[in-house]
């Protein structure tokens, strides 16, 4: 999933996707990995995709987020920007 809010620094999403696709290409060729880019960029889009994968019996083993994040030390929790 990629998300680049307009109020934060611009990300090179296409380059990041290319790097991941290149790194996983041998595993995809061998049928060991299926790579799917999630359309949409909201937490609701993520919830829908994960729910659909679960209902299809596929599930999701790894989720890669291309975007901005932060850590709130007072709350002791991470945040991502959708």
PDB file of N, CA and C in Angstrom:
ATOM      1  N   UNK A   1       0.853  -1.168   0.000  1.00  0.00           N
ATOM      2  CA  UNK A   1       0.000   0.000   0.000  1.00  0.00           C
ATOM      3  C   UNK A   1       0.894   1.225   0.000  1.00  0.00           C
ATOM      4  N   UNK A   2       0.512   2.203  -0.779  1.00  0.00           N
ATOM      5  CA  UNK A   2       1.273   3.442  -0.834  1.00  0.00           C
ATOM      6  C   UNK A   2       0.357   4.614  -0.525  1.00  0.00           C
ATOM      7  N   UNK A   3       0.871   5.529   0.263  1.00  0.00           N
ATOM      8  CA  UNK A   3       0.102   6.713   0.632  1.00  0.00           C
ATOM      9  C   UNK A   3       1.059   7.888   0.752  1.00  0.00           C
ATOM     10  N   UNK A   4       0.764   8.936   0.021  1.00  0.00           N
ATOM     11  CA  UNK A   4       1.606  10.126   0.063  1.00  0.00           C
ATOM     12  C   UNK A   4       0.720  11.358   0.249  1.00  0.00           C
ATOM     13  N   UNK A   5       0.361  11.662   1.498  1.00  0.00           N
ATOM     14  CA  UNK A   5      -0.494  12.827   1.755  1.00  0.00           C
ATOM     15  C   UNK A   5       0.121  14.107   1.197  1.00  0.00           C
ATOM     16  N   UNK A   6      -0.716  14.973   0.666  1.00  0.00           N
ATOM     17  CA  UNK A   6      -0.233  16.194   0.026  1.00  0.00           C
ATOM     18  C   UNK A   6       0.390  17.176   1.008  1.00  0.00           C
ATOM     19  N   UNK A   7       0.113  17.039   2.285  1.00  0.00           N
ATOM     20  CA  UNK A   7       0.663  17.973   3.267  1.00  0.00           C
ATOM     21  C   UNK A   7       1.998  17.498   3.858  1.00  0.00           C
ATOM     22  N   UNK A   8       2.542  16.389   3.322  1.00  0.00           N
ATOM     23  CA  UNK A   8       3.839  15.867   3.777  1.00  0.00           C
ATOM     24  C   UNK A   8       4.790  15.784   2.588  1.00  0.00           C
ATOM     25  N   UNK A   9       6.056  15.546   2.864  1.00  0.00           N
ATOM     26  CA  UNK A   9       7.062  15.479   1.797  1.00  0.00           C
ATOM     27  C   UNK A   9       6.660  14.445   0.741  1.00  0.00           C
ATOM     28  N   UNK A  10       6.878  14.792  -0.525  1.00  0.00           N
ATOM     29  CA  UNK A  10       6.525  13.892  -1.616  1.00  0.00           C
ATOM     30  C   UNK A  10       7.420  12.659  -1.608  1.00  0.00           C
ATOM     31  N   UNK A  11       6.820  11.524  -1.870  1.00  0.00           N
ATOM     32  CA  UNK A  11       7.550  10.259  -1.908  1.00  0.00           C
ATOM     33  C   UNK A  11       7.682   9.780  -3.349  1.00  0.00           C
ATOM     34  N   UNK A  12       8.752   9.057  -3.653  1.00  0.00           N
ATOM     35  CA  UNK A  12       8.909   8.453  -4.978  1.00  0.00           C
ATOM     36  C   UNK A  12       8.326   7.045  -4.904  1.00  0.00           C
ATOM     37  N   UNK A  13       7.023   6.972  -4.951  1.00  0.00           N
ATOM     38  CA  UNK A  13       6.303   5.716  -4.795  1.00  0.00           C
ATOM     39  C   UNK A  13       6.657   4.744  -5.916  1.00  0.00           C
ATOM     40  N   UNK A  14       6.749   5.240  -7.149  1.00  0.00           N
ATOM     41  CA  UNK A  14       7.059   4.359  -8.276  1.00  0.00           C
ATOM     42  C   UNK A  14       8.413   3.691  -8.112  1.00  0.00           C
ATOM     43  N   UNK A  15       9.407   4.430  -7.654  1.00  0.00           N
ATOM     44  CA  UNK A  15      10.735   3.844  -7.454  1.00  0.00           C
ATOM     45  C   UNK A  15      10.705   2.792  -6.345  1.00  0.00           C
ATOM     46  N   UNK A  16      10.001   3.086  -5.279  1.00  0.00           N
ATOM     47  CA  UNK A  16       9.902   2.122  -4.173  1.00  0.00           C
ATOM     48  C   UNK A  16       9.230   0.829  -4.634  1.00  0.00           C
ATOM     49  N   UNK A  17       8.153   0.966  -5.419  1.00  0.00           N
ATOM     50  CA  UNK A  17       7.474  -0.217  -5.939  1.00  0.00           C
ATOM     51  C   UNK A  17       8.403  -1.027  -6.838  1.00  0.00           C
ATOM     52  N   UNK A  18       9.153  -0.340  -7.719  1.00  0.00           N
ATOM     53  CA  UNK A  18      10.098  -1.037  -8.598  1.00  0.00           C
ATOM     54  C   UNK A  18      11.127  -1.820  -7.792  1.00  0.00           C
ATOM     55  N   UNK A  19      11.665  -1.214  -6.754  1.00  0.00           N
ATOM     56  CA  UNK A  19      12.677  -1.882  -5.932  1.00  0.00           C
ATOM     57  C   UNK A  19      12.123  -3.143  -5.279  1.00  0.00           C
ATOM     58  N   UNK A  20      10.904  -3.071  -4.790  1.00  0.00           N
ATOM     59  CA  UNK A  20      10.285  -4.240  -4.154  1.00  0.00           C
ATOM     60  C   UNK A  20      10.006  -5.317  -5.190  1.00  0.00           C
ATOM     61  N   UNK A  21       9.474  -4.922  -6.345  1.00  0.00           N
ATOM     62  CA  UNK A  21       9.175  -5.890  -7.399  1.00  0.00           C
ATOM     63  C   UNK A  21      10.450  -6.589  -7.883  1.00  0.00           C
ATOM     64  N   UNK A  22      11.535  -5.832  -8.033  1.00  0.00           N
ATOM     65  CA  UNK A  22      12.805  -6.424  -8.456  1.00  0.00           C
ATOM     66  C   UNK A  22      13.336  -7.398  -7.404  1.00  0.00           C
ATOM     67  N   UNK A  23      13.248  -7.008  -6.146  1.00  0.00           N
ATOM     68  CA  UNK A  23      13.758  -7.864  -5.070  1.00  0.00           C
ATOM     69  C   UNK A  23      12.970  -9.167  -4.952  1.00  0.00           C
ATOM     70  N   UNK A  24      11.675  -9.113  -5.225  1.00  0.00           N
ATOM     71  CA  UNK A  24      10.828 -10.290  -5.077  1.00  0.00           C
ATOM     72  C   UNK A  24      10.646 -11.085  -6.362  1.00  0.00           C
ATOM     73  N   UNK A  25      11.157 -10.596  -7.477  1.00  0.00           N
ATOM     74  CA  UNK A  25      10.952 -11.250  -8.771  1.00  0.00           C
ATOM     75  C   UNK A  25      11.335 -12.735  -8.762  1.00  0.00           C
ATOM     76  N   UNK A  26      12.506 -13.129  -8.230  1.00  0.00           N
ATOM     77  CA  UNK A  26      12.835 -14.564  -8.233  1.00  0.00           C
ATOM     78  C   UNK A  26      11.827 -15.406  -7.440  1.00  0.00           C
ATOM     79  N   UNK A  27      11.371 -14.891  -6.322  1.00  0.00           N
ATOM     80  CA  UNK A  27      10.392 -15.624  -5.514  1.00  0.00           C
ATOM     81  C   UNK A  27       9.040 -15.715  -6.215  1.00  0.00           C
ATOM     82  N   UNK A  28       8.679 -14.658  -6.927  1.00  0.00           N
ATOM     83  CA  UNK A  28       7.427 -14.680  -7.684  1.00  0.00           C
ATOM     84  C   UNK A  28       7.506 -15.696  -8.828  1.00  0.00           C
ATOM     85  N   UNK A  29       8.651 -15.715  -9.524  1.00  0.00           N
ATOM     86  CA  UNK A  29       8.835 -16.668 -10.622  1.00  0.00           C
ATOM     87  C   UNK A  29       8.714 -18.111 -10.133  1.00  0.00           C
ATOM     88  N   UNK A  30       9.202 -18.364  -8.929  1.00  0.00           N
ATOM     89  CA  UNK A  30       9.143 -19.716  -8.361  1.00  0.00           C
ATOM     90  C   UNK A  30       7.809 -20.025  -7.692  1.00  0.00           C
ATOM     91  N   UNK A  31       6.894 -19.083  -7.719  1.00  0.00           N
ATOM     92  CA  UNK A  31       5.580 -19.291  -7.129  1.00  0.00           C
ATOM     93  C   UNK A  31       5.558 -19.259  -5.615  1.00  0.00           C
ATOM     94  N   UNK A  32       6.592 -18.694  -5.016  1.00  0.00           N
ATOM     95  CA  UNK A  32       6.684 -18.658  -3.559  1.00  0.00           C
ATOM     96  C   UNK A  32       6.090 -17.395  -2.944  1.00  0.00           C
ATOM     97  N   UNK A  33       5.932 -16.370  -3.770  1.00  0.00           N
ATOM     98  CA  UNK A  33       5.410 -15.084  -3.298  1.00  0.00           C
ATOM     99  C   UNK A  33       4.409 -14.558  -4.320  1.00  0.00           C
ATOM    100  N   UNK A  34       3.327 -14.021  -3.805  1.00  0.00           N
ATOM    101  CA  UNK A  34       2.378 -13.293  -4.640  1.00  0.00           C
ATOM    102  C   UNK A  34       2.393 -11.850  -4.157  1.00  0.00           C
ATOM    103  N   UNK A  35       2.680 -10.948  -5.056  1.00  0.00           N
ATOM    104  CA  UNK A  35       2.747  -9.523  -4.710  1.00  0.00           C
ATOM    105  C   UNK A  35       1.512  -8.835  -5.257  1.00  0.00           C
ATOM    106  N   UNK A  36       0.829  -8.117  -4.395  1.00  0.00           N
ATOM    107  CA  UNK A  36      -0.372  -7.395  -4.814  1.00  0.00           C
ATOM    108  C   UNK A  36      -0.316  -5.986  -4.244  1.00  0.00           C
ATOM    109  N   UNK A  37      -0.399  -4.996  -5.127  1.00  0.00           N
ATOM    110  CA  UNK A  37      -0.435  -3.605  -4.677  1.00  0.00           C
ATOM    111  C   UNK A  37      -1.880  -3.235  -4.388  1.00  0.00           C
ATOM    112  N   UNK A  38      -2.111  -2.698  -3.232  1.00  0.00           N
ATOM    113  CA  UNK A  38      -3.449  -2.323  -2.801  1.00  0.00           C
ATOM    114  C   UNK A  38      -3.841  -0.991  -3.426  1.00  0.00           C
ATOM    115  N   UNK A  39      -5.003  -0.992  -4.071  1.00  0.00           N
ATOM    116  CA  UNK A  39      -5.549   0.265  -4.584  1.00  0.00           C
ATOM    117  C   UNK A  39      -6.148   1.030  -3.407  1.00  0.00           C
ATOM    118  N   UNK A  40      -6.034   2.327  -3.444  1.00  0.00           N
ATOM    119  CA  UNK A  40      -6.551   3.152  -2.362  1.00  0.00           C
ATOM    120  C   UNK A  40      -5.446   3.511  -1.386  1.00  0.00           C
ATOM    121  N   UNK A  41      -5.742   4.438  -0.516  1.00  0.00           N
ATOM    122  CA  UNK A  41      -4.710   4.911   0.414  1.00  0.00           C
ATOM    123  C   UNK A  41      -5.279   5.313   1.771  1.00  0.00           C
ATOM    124  N   UNK A  42      -6.369   4.676   2.148  1.00  0.00           N
ATOM    125  CA  UNK A  42      -6.965   4.987   3.453  1.00  0.00           C
ATOM    126  C   UNK A  42      -6.957   3.742   4.334  1.00  0.00           C
ATOM    127  N   UNK A  43      -7.150   3.936   5.618  1.00  0.00           N
ATOM    128  CA  UNK A  43      -7.199   2.792   6.517  1.00  0.00           C
ATOM    129  C   UNK A  43      -8.398   1.910   6.198  1.00  0.00           C
ATOM    130  N   UNK A  44      -9.481   2.499   5.678  1.00  0.00           N
ATOM    131  CA  UNK A  44     -10.650   1.700   5.282  1.00  0.00           C
ATOM    132  C   UNK A  44     -10.314   0.806   4.090  1.00  0.00           C
ATOM    133  N   UNK A  45      -9.522   1.342   3.132  1.00  0.00           N
ATOM    134  CA  UNK A  45      -9.081   0.529   1.992  1.00  0.00           C
ATOM    135  C   UNK A  45      -8.266  -0.665   2.483  1.00  0.00           C
ATOM    136  N   UNK A  46      -7.400  -0.432   3.450  1.00  0.00           N
ATOM    137  CA  UNK A  46      -6.584  -1.506   4.013  1.00  0.00           C
ATOM    138  C   UNK A  46      -7.469  -2.543   4.704  1.00  0.00           C
ATOM    139  N   UNK A  47      -8.412  -2.100   5.516  1.00  0.00           N
ATOM    140  CA  UNK A  47      -9.304  -3.030   6.207  1.00  0.00           C
ATOM    141  C   UNK A  47     -10.108  -3.873   5.223  1.00  0.00           C
ATOM    142  N   UNK A  48     -10.623  -3.241   4.163  1.00  0.00           N
ATOM    143  CA  UNK A  48     -11.397  -3.972   3.159  1.00  0.00           C
ATOM    144  C   UNK A  48     -10.537  -5.029   2.465  1.00  0.00           C
ATOM    145  N   UNK A  49      -9.320  -4.664   2.097  1.00  0.00           N
ATOM    146  CA  UNK A  49      -8.438  -5.598   1.395  1.00  0.00           C
ATOM    147  C   UNK A  49      -8.061  -6.780   2.288  1.00  0.00           C
ATOM    148  N   UNK A  50      -7.737  -6.508   3.537  1.00  0.00           N
ATOM    149  CA  UNK A  50      -7.387  -7.594   4.453  1.00  0.00           C
ATOM    150  C   UNK A  50      -8.575  -8.511   4.706  1.00  0.00           C
ATOM    151  N   UNK A  51      -9.748  -7.935   4.842  1.00  0.00           N
ATOM    152  CA  UNK A  51     -10.959  -8.730   5.052  1.00  0.00           C
ATOM    153  C   UNK A  51     -11.261  -9.580   3.826  1.00  0.00           C
ATOM    154  N   UNK A  52     -11.135  -9.016   2.628  1.00  0.00           N
ATOM    155  CA  UNK A  52     -11.393  -9.765   1.395  1.00  0.00           C
ATOM    156  C   UNK A  52     -10.405 -10.914   1.246  1.00  0.00           C
ATOM    157  N   UNK A  53      -9.135 -10.680   1.560  1.00  0.00           N
ATOM    158  CA  UNK A  53      -8.120 -11.735   1.465  1.00  0.00           C
ATOM    159  C   UNK A  53      -8.425 -12.849   2.453  1.00  0.00           C
ATOM    160  N   UNK A  54      -8.848 -12.489   3.634  1.00  0.00           N
ATOM    161  CA  UNK A  54      -9.176 -13.485   4.656  1.00  0.00           C
ATOM    162  C   UNK A  54     -10.379 -14.328   4.227  1.00  0.00           C
ATOM    163  N   UNK A  55     -11.398 -13.663   3.695  1.00  0.00           N
ATOM    164  CA  UNK A  55     -12.589 -14.389   3.247  1.00  0.00           C
ATOM    165  C   UNK A  55     -12.294 -15.283   2.050  1.00  0.00           C
ATOM    166  N   UNK A  56     -11.311 -14.916   1.249  1.00  0.00           N
ATOM    167  CA  UNK A  56     -10.929 -15.722   0.085  1.00  0.00           C
ATOM    168  C   UNK A  56     -10.021 -16.879   0.484  1.00  0.00           C
ATOM    169  N   UNK A  57      -9.634 -16.918   1.755  1.00  0.00           N
ATOM    170  CA  UNK A  57      -8.763 -17.979   2.240  1.00  0.00           C
ATOM    171  C   UNK A  57      -7.289 -17.729   1.957  1.00  0.00           C
ATOM    172  N   UNK A  58      -6.969 -16.545   1.448  1.00  0.00           N
ATOM    173  CA  UNK A  58      -5.582 -16.231   1.105  1.00  0.00           C
ATOM    174  C   UNK A  58      -4.833 -15.635   2.294  1.00  0.00           C
ATOM    175  N   UNK A  59      -5.496 -14.798   3.028  1.00  0.00           N
ATOM    176  CA  UNK A  59      -4.828 -14.116   4.133  1.00  0.00           C
ATOM    177  C   UNK A  59      -3.734 -13.194   3.630  1.00  0.00           C
ATOM    178  N   UNK A  60      -3.030 -12.636   4.554  1.00  0.00           N
ATOM    179  CA  UNK A  60      -1.928 -11.735   4.231  1.00  0.00           C
ATOM    180  C   UNK A  60      -0.813 -12.014   5.231  1.00  0.00           C
ATOM    181  N   UNK A  61       0.351 -12.329   4.730  1.00  0.00           N
ATOM    182  CA  UNK A  61       1.464 -12.670   5.611  1.00  0.00           C
ATOM    183  C   UNK A  61       2.408 -11.500   5.841  1.00  0.00           C
ATOM    184  N   UNK A  62       2.520 -10.639   4.842  1.00  0.00           N
ATOM    185  CA  UNK A  62       3.401  -9.473   4.954  1.00  0.00           C
ATOM    186  C   UNK A  62       2.671  -8.268   4.389  1.00  0.00           C
ATOM    187  N   UNK A  63       2.758  -7.168   5.108  1.00  0.00           N
ATOM    188  CA  UNK A  63       2.181  -5.911   4.630  1.00  0.00           C
ATOM    189  C   UNK A  63       3.297  -4.884   4.571  1.00  0.00           C
ATOM    190  N   UNK A  64       3.492  -4.292   3.392  1.00  0.00           N
ATOM    191  CA  UNK A  64       4.519  -3.260   3.240  1.00  0.00           C
ATOM    192  C   UNK A  64       3.822  -1.931   2.993  1.00  0.00           C
ATOM    193  N   UNK A  65       4.142  -0.960   3.803  1.00  0.00           N
ATOM    194  CA  UNK A  65       3.539   0.375   3.698  1.00  0.00           C
ATOM    195  C   UNK A  65       4.572   1.351   3.176  1.00  0.00           C
ATOM    196  N   UNK A  66       4.262   1.979   2.054  1.00  0.00           N
ATOM    197  CA  UNK A  66       5.101   3.052   1.516  1.00  0.00           C
ATOM    198  C   UNK A  66       4.424   4.348   1.940  1.00  0.00           C
ATOM    199  N   UNK A  67       5.040   5.057   2.842  1.00  0.00           N
ATOM    200  CA  UNK A  67       4.419   6.282   3.320  1.00  0.00           C
ATOM    201  C   UNK A  67       5.198   6.897   4.463  1.00  0.00           C
ATOM    202  N   UNK A  68       4.528   7.775   5.158  1.00  0.00           N
ATOM    203  CA  UNK A  68       5.136   8.490   6.275  1.00  0.00           C
ATOM    204  C   UNK A  68       4.672   7.901   7.593  1.00  0.00           C
ATOM    205  N   UNK A  69       5.569   7.890   8.548  1.00  0.00           N
ATOM    206  CA  UNK A  69       5.231   7.414   9.878  1.00  0.00           C
ATOM    207  C   UNK A  69       5.956   8.239  10.929  1.00  0.00           C
ATOM    208  N   UNK A  70       5.602   7.984  12.173  1.00  0.00           N
ATOM    209  CA  UNK A  70       6.177   8.733  13.286  1.00  0.00           C
ATOM    210  C   UNK A  70       6.031   7.873  14.544  1.00  0.00           C
ATOM    211  N   UNK A  71       6.727   8.264  15.574  1.00  0.00           N
ATOM    212  CA  UNK A  71       6.591   7.573  16.861  1.00  0.00           C
ATOM    213  C   UNK A  71       6.294   8.599  17.937  1.00  0.00           C
ATOM    214  N   UNK A  72       5.206   8.398  18.647  1.00  0.00           N
ATOM    215  CA  UNK A  72       4.803   9.277  19.734  1.00  0.00           C
ATOM    216  C   UNK A  72       5.369   8.687  21.026  1.00  0.00           C
ATOM    217  N   UNK A  73       6.423   9.305  21.552  1.00  0.00           N
ATOM    218  CA  UNK A  73       7.079   8.770  22.752  1.00  0.00           C
ATOM    219  C   UNK A  73       6.190   8.860  23.986  1.00  0.00           C
ATOM    220  N   UNK A  74       5.369   9.897  24.077  1.00  0.00           N
ATOM    221  CA  UNK A  74       4.484  10.021  25.234  1.00  0.00           C
ATOM    222  C   UNK A  74       3.441   8.906  25.269  1.00  0.00           C
ATOM    223  N   UNK A  75       2.895   8.578  24.112  1.00  0.00           N
ATOM    224  CA  UNK A  75       1.890   7.516  24.045  1.00  0.00           C
ATOM    225  C   UNK A  75       2.538   6.142  23.855  1.00  0.00           C
ATOM    226  N   UNK A  76       3.835   6.138  23.561  1.00  0.00           N
ATOM    227  CA  UNK A  76       4.590   4.899  23.330  1.00  0.00           C
ATOM    228  C   UNK A  76       3.942   4.067  22.205  1.00  0.00           C
ATOM    229  N   UNK A  77       3.661   4.768  21.072  1.00  0.00           N
ATOM    230  CA  UNK A  77       3.054   4.076  19.940  1.00  0.00           C
ATOM    231  C   UNK A  77       3.477   4.705  18.629  1.00  0.00           C
ATOM    232  N   UNK A  78       3.487   3.868  17.615  1.00  0.00           N
ATOM    233  CA  UNK A  78       3.807   4.335  16.273  1.00  0.00           C
ATOM    234  C   UNK A  78       2.567   4.834  15.568  1.00  0.00           C
ATOM    235  N   UNK A  79       2.777   5.668  14.568  1.00  0.00           N
ATOM    236  CA  UNK A  79       1.664   6.208  13.779  1.00  0.00           C
ATOM    237  C   UNK A  79       2.069   6.163  12.313  1.00  0.00           C
ATOM    238  N   UNK A  80       1.100   5.950  11.446  1.00  0.00           N
ATOM    239  CA  UNK A  80       1.344   6.091  10.015  1.00  0.00           C
ATOM    240  C   UNK A  80       0.341   7.108   9.474  1.00  0.00           C
ATOM    241  N   UNK A  81       0.751   7.804   8.418  1.00  0.00           N
ATOM    242  CA  UNK A  81      -0.076   8.864   7.835  1.00  0.00           C
ATOM    243  C   UNK A  81      -0.777   8.343   6.590  1.00  0.00           C
ATOM    244  N   UNK A  82      -2.094   8.237   6.677  1.00  0.00           N
ATOM    245  CA  UNK A  82      -2.906   7.831   5.523  1.00  0.00           C
ATOM    246  C   UNK A  82      -3.336   9.060   4.756  1.00  0.00           C
TER     247      UNK A  82
END
